[in-house]
Amino acid sequence: FTTMRGLVDEVNEQLRPFLDEPHMLFGHSFGALLAYRLASMRAAAGATLPRAVFLSAYAPPHLPPPLHLVDGLDDEQLVTLF
């Protein structure tokens, strides 16, 4: 996937048959970001929401991302970042 939105859309589509039933989401690290975005997207669309969302090992959404955004950097900029 080249975008988070594309990944979230695909996960939503793959899980759609199960997400109308009572469910919870758990995500760890990158999975925490994915679970949060999935729940947020479903809330905005008025879809069935999980009973709970458990997130671990990722910064809360109101803080800056823990990783640098690197998709817009060229090779030289990327090397100097790390």
N, C-alpha and C. Protein backbone atom coordinates (compact mmCIF):
# COMPACT_ATOMS: atom_id res chain seq x y z
N PHE A 1 0.84 -1.17 0.00
CA PHE A 1 0.00 0.00 0.00
C PHE A 1 0.89 1.24 0.00
N THR A 2 0.45 2.24 -0.71
CA THR A 2 1.21 3.48 -0.75
C THR A 2 0.64 4.55 0.17
N THR A 3 -0.57 4.34 0.68
CA THR A 3 -1.16 5.29 1.61
C THR A 3 -1.83 4.54 2.76
N MET A 4 -1.90 5.20 3.89
CA MET A 4 -2.59 4.62 5.04
C MET A 4 -4.07 4.47 4.71
N ARG A 5 -4.64 5.44 4.02
CA ARG A 5 -6.07 5.38 3.67
C ARG A 5 -6.36 4.14 2.83
N GLY A 6 -5.48 3.82 1.87
CA GLY A 6 -5.67 2.63 1.05
C GLY A 6 -5.65 1.37 1.89
N LEU A 7 -4.74 1.30 2.85
CA LEU A 7 -4.66 0.14 3.74
C LEU A 7 -5.91 0.03 4.61
N VAL A 8 -6.33 1.14 5.19
CA VAL A 8 -7.51 1.15 6.05
C VAL A 8 -8.76 0.74 5.25
N ASP A 9 -8.87 1.27 4.04
CA ASP A 9 -10.01 0.90 3.19
C ASP A 9 -10.02 -0.60 2.91
N GLU A 10 -8.86 -1.17 2.62
CA GLU A 10 -8.78 -2.60 2.32
C GLU A 10 -9.09 -3.45 3.55
N VAL A 11 -8.57 -3.07 4.70
CA VAL A 11 -8.86 -3.81 5.94
C VAL A 11 -10.35 -3.73 6.23
N ASN A 12 -10.93 -2.55 6.07
CA ASN A 12 -12.37 -2.39 6.29
C ASN A 12 -13.16 -3.31 5.35
N GLU A 13 -12.76 -3.34 4.10
CA GLU A 13 -13.46 -4.18 3.13
C GLU A 13 -13.31 -5.66 3.46
N GLN A 14 -12.11 -6.09 3.83
CA GLN A 14 -11.88 -7.50 4.14
C GLN A 14 -12.63 -7.94 5.41
N LEU A 15 -12.74 -7.03 6.37
CA LEU A 15 -13.40 -7.37 7.65
C LEU A 15 -14.89 -7.04 7.67
N ARG A 16 -15.38 -6.40 6.62
CA ARG A 16 -16.76 -5.92 6.59
C ARG A 16 -17.79 -6.96 7.06
N PRO A 17 -17.69 -8.23 6.64
CA PRO A 17 -18.71 -9.20 7.09
C PRO A 17 -18.72 -9.40 8.61
N PHE A 18 -17.63 -9.09 9.28
CA PHE A 18 -17.52 -9.32 10.72
C PHE A 18 -17.78 -8.06 11.54
N LEU A 19 -17.69 -6.89 10.91
CA LEU A 19 -17.75 -5.64 11.65
C LEU A 19 -19.16 -5.16 11.96
N ASP A 20 -20.17 -5.83 11.43
CA ASP A 20 -21.54 -5.48 11.80
C ASP A 20 -21.98 -6.20 13.07
N GLU A 21 -21.24 -7.23 13.44
CA GLU A 21 -21.48 -7.96 14.68
C GLU A 21 -20.74 -7.24 15.82
N PRO A 22 -21.09 -7.50 17.07
CA PRO A 22 -20.31 -6.91 18.18
C PRO A 22 -18.84 -7.33 18.04
N HIS A 23 -17.96 -6.35 18.16
CA HIS A 23 -16.53 -6.63 18.00
C HIS A 23 -15.71 -5.61 18.77
N MET A 24 -14.43 -5.91 18.95
CA MET A 24 -13.46 -5.00 19.54
C MET A 24 -12.25 -5.00 18.62
N LEU A 25 -11.47 -3.94 18.68
CA LEU A 25 -10.24 -3.87 17.90
C LEU A 25 -9.05 -3.79 18.85
N PHE A 26 -7.99 -4.48 18.50
CA PHE A 26 -6.73 -4.39 19.24
C PHE A 26 -5.63 -4.14 18.24
N GLY A 27 -4.76 -3.19 18.53
CA GLY A 27 -3.62 -2.92 17.67
C GLY A 27 -2.39 -2.65 18.50
N HIS A 28 -1.27 -3.21 18.06
CA HIS A 28 0.01 -3.01 18.74
C HIS A 28 0.98 -2.39 17.75
N SER A 29 1.66 -1.32 18.15
CA SER A 29 2.63 -0.62 17.32
C SER A 29 1.92 -0.09 16.07
N PHE A 30 2.38 -0.47 14.88
CA PHE A 30 1.73 0.01 13.65
C PHE A 30 0.26 -0.43 13.62
N GLY A 31 -0.03 -1.59 14.18
CA GLY A 31 -1.41 -2.06 14.25
C GLY A 31 -2.29 -1.14 15.08
N ALA A 32 -1.71 -0.45 16.06
CA ALA A 32 -2.46 0.51 16.86
C ALA A 32 -2.92 1.67 15.99
N LEU A 33 -2.02 2.15 15.15
CA LEU A 33 -2.38 3.23 14.23
C LEU A 33 -3.47 2.76 13.27
N LEU A 34 -3.32 1.56 12.76
CA LEU A 34 -4.30 1.00 11.83
C LEU A 34 -5.67 0.84 12.51
N ALA A 35 -5.70 0.29 13.71
CA ALA A 35 -6.96 0.09 14.43
C ALA A 35 -7.63 1.44 14.73
N TYR A 36 -6.85 2.41 15.14
CA TYR A 36 -7.39 3.74 15.43
C TYR A 36 -7.99 4.37 14.18
N ARG A 37 -7.24 4.31 13.08
CA ARG A 37 -7.73 4.90 11.83
C ARG A 37 -8.97 4.17 11.31
N LEU A 38 -9.00 2.86 11.46
CA LEU A 38 -10.17 2.09 11.04
C LEU A 38 -11.39 2.51 11.85
N ALA A 39 -11.25 2.58 13.16
CA ALA A 39 -12.36 2.99 14.02
C ALA A 39 -12.80 4.42 13.69
N SER A 40 -11.85 5.30 13.46
CA SER A 40 -12.17 6.70 13.12
C SER A 40 -12.91 6.80 11.80
N MET A 41 -12.44 6.05 10.80
CA MET A 41 -13.07 6.08 9.49
C MET A 41 -14.51 5.56 9.58
N ARG A 42 -14.69 4.47 10.33
CA ARG A 42 -16.02 3.90 10.48
C ARG A 42 -16.95 4.84 11.25
N ALA A 43 -16.42 5.54 12.24
CA ALA A 43 -17.23 6.52 12.98
C ALA A 43 -17.68 7.64 12.06
N ALA A 44 -16.77 8.15 11.24
CA ALA A 44 -17.11 9.24 10.32
C ALA A 44 -18.15 8.81 9.29
N ALA A 45 -18.14 7.52 8.93
CA ALA A 45 -19.08 7.00 7.93
C ALA A 45 -20.40 6.57 8.55
N GLY A 46 -20.52 6.63 9.88
CA GLY A 46 -21.74 6.21 10.55
C GLY A 46 -21.90 4.69 10.57
N ALA A 47 -20.81 3.96 10.42
CA ALA A 47 -20.84 2.49 10.43
C ALA A 47 -20.86 1.97 11.86
N THR A 48 -21.12 0.68 11.99
CA THR A 48 -21.10 0.03 13.30
C THR A 48 -19.73 0.20 13.93
N LEU A 49 -19.70 0.62 15.18
CA LEU A 49 -18.43 0.86 15.87
C LEU A 49 -18.08 -0.32 16.77
N PRO A 50 -16.79 -0.48 17.04
CA PRO A 50 -16.38 -1.53 17.98
C PRO A 50 -16.85 -1.17 19.40
N ARG A 51 -17.02 -2.18 20.21
CA ARG A 51 -17.38 -1.94 21.61
C ARG A 51 -16.22 -1.33 22.37
N ALA A 52 -15.01 -1.62 21.92
CA ALA A 52 -13.79 -1.06 22.53
C ALA A 52 -12.68 -1.09 21.51
N VAL A 53 -11.72 -0.20 21.69
CA VAL A 53 -10.50 -0.18 20.88
C VAL A 53 -9.33 -0.17 21.85
N PHE A 54 -8.50 -1.19 21.78
CA PHE A 54 -7.33 -1.31 22.63
C PHE A 54 -6.10 -1.03 21.80
N LEU A 55 -5.30 -0.07 22.24
CA LEU A 55 -4.12 0.34 21.49
C LEU A 55 -2.90 0.28 22.40
N SER A 56 -1.80 -0.26 21.88
CA SER A 56 -0.56 -0.31 22.67
C SER A 56 0.64 -0.01 21.80
N ALA A 57 1.67 0.50 22.45
CA ALA A 57 2.98 0.74 21.82
C ALA A 57 2.93 1.71 20.65
N TYR A 58 2.11 2.74 20.77
CA TYR A 58 2.09 3.81 19.76
C TYR A 58 1.63 5.08 20.46
N ALA A 59 2.14 6.21 20.04
CA ALA A 59 1.79 7.48 20.67
C ALA A 59 0.30 7.78 20.46
N PRO A 60 -0.34 8.44 21.43
CA PRO A 60 -1.75 8.80 21.28
C PRO A 60 -1.93 9.78 20.12
N PRO A 61 -3.13 9.81 19.52
CA PRO A 61 -3.34 10.60 18.32
C PRO A 61 -3.20 12.11 18.50
N HIS A 62 -3.29 12.61 19.72
CA HIS A 62 -3.17 14.06 19.92
C HIS A 62 -1.71 14.51 20.02
N LEU A 63 -0.77 13.57 20.01
CA LEU A 63 0.66 13.92 20.02
C LEU A 63 1.24 13.76 18.62
N PRO A 64 2.38 14.42 18.34
CA PRO A 64 3.00 14.26 17.03
C PRO A 64 3.38 12.80 16.77
N PRO A 65 3.40 12.38 15.51
CA PRO A 65 3.78 10.99 15.21
C PRO A 65 5.17 10.67 15.75
N PRO A 66 5.36 9.45 16.25
CA PRO A 66 6.66 9.10 16.82
C PRO A 66 7.74 8.90 15.76
N LEU A 67 7.34 8.73 14.51
CA LEU A 67 8.31 8.53 13.43
C LEU A 67 8.27 9.73 12.51
N HIS A 68 9.43 10.04 11.93
CA HIS A 68 9.49 11.13 10.97
C HIS A 68 8.72 10.75 9.72
N LEU A 69 8.06 11.71 9.11
CA LEU A 69 7.40 11.46 7.83
C LEU A 69 8.48 11.53 6.75
N VAL A 70 8.70 10.43 6.08
CA VAL A 70 9.83 10.35 5.15
C VAL A 70 9.41 10.22 3.69
N ASP A 71 8.13 10.12 3.41
CA ASP A 71 7.71 9.86 2.04
C ASP A 71 8.01 11.01 1.08
N GLY A 72 8.17 12.22 1.57
CA GLY A 72 8.45 13.35 0.69
C GLY A 72 9.93 13.69 0.58
N LEU A 73 10.80 12.91 1.22
CA LEU A 73 12.22 13.21 1.23
C LEU A 73 12.95 12.54 0.07
N ASP A 74 13.96 13.24 -0.46
CA ASP A 74 14.81 12.58 -1.45
C ASP A 74 15.88 11.78 -0.72
N ASP A 75 16.73 11.05 -1.44
CA ASP A 75 17.71 10.16 -0.82
C ASP A 75 18.66 10.90 0.13
N GLU A 76 19.15 12.07 -0.28
CA GLU A 76 20.09 12.82 0.56
C GLU A 76 19.43 13.27 1.87
N GLN A 77 18.22 13.76 1.77
CA GLN A 77 17.51 14.19 2.97
C GLN A 77 17.23 13.00 3.89
N LEU A 78 16.90 11.87 3.31
CA LEU A 78 16.62 10.68 4.10
C LEU A 78 17.86 10.22 4.85
N VAL A 79 19.01 10.23 4.19
CA VAL A 79 20.25 9.80 4.84
C VAL A 79 20.61 10.71 6.00
N THR A 80 20.45 12.02 5.82
CA THR A 80 20.82 12.97 6.89
C THR A 80 19.85 12.91 8.07
N LEU A 81 18.64 12.44 7.83
CA LEU A 81 17.66 12.35 8.90
C LEU A 81 18.07 11.34 9.95
N PHE A 82 18.69 10.26 9.53
CA PHE A 82 19.06 9.20 10.44
C PHE A 82 20.54 9.21 10.67
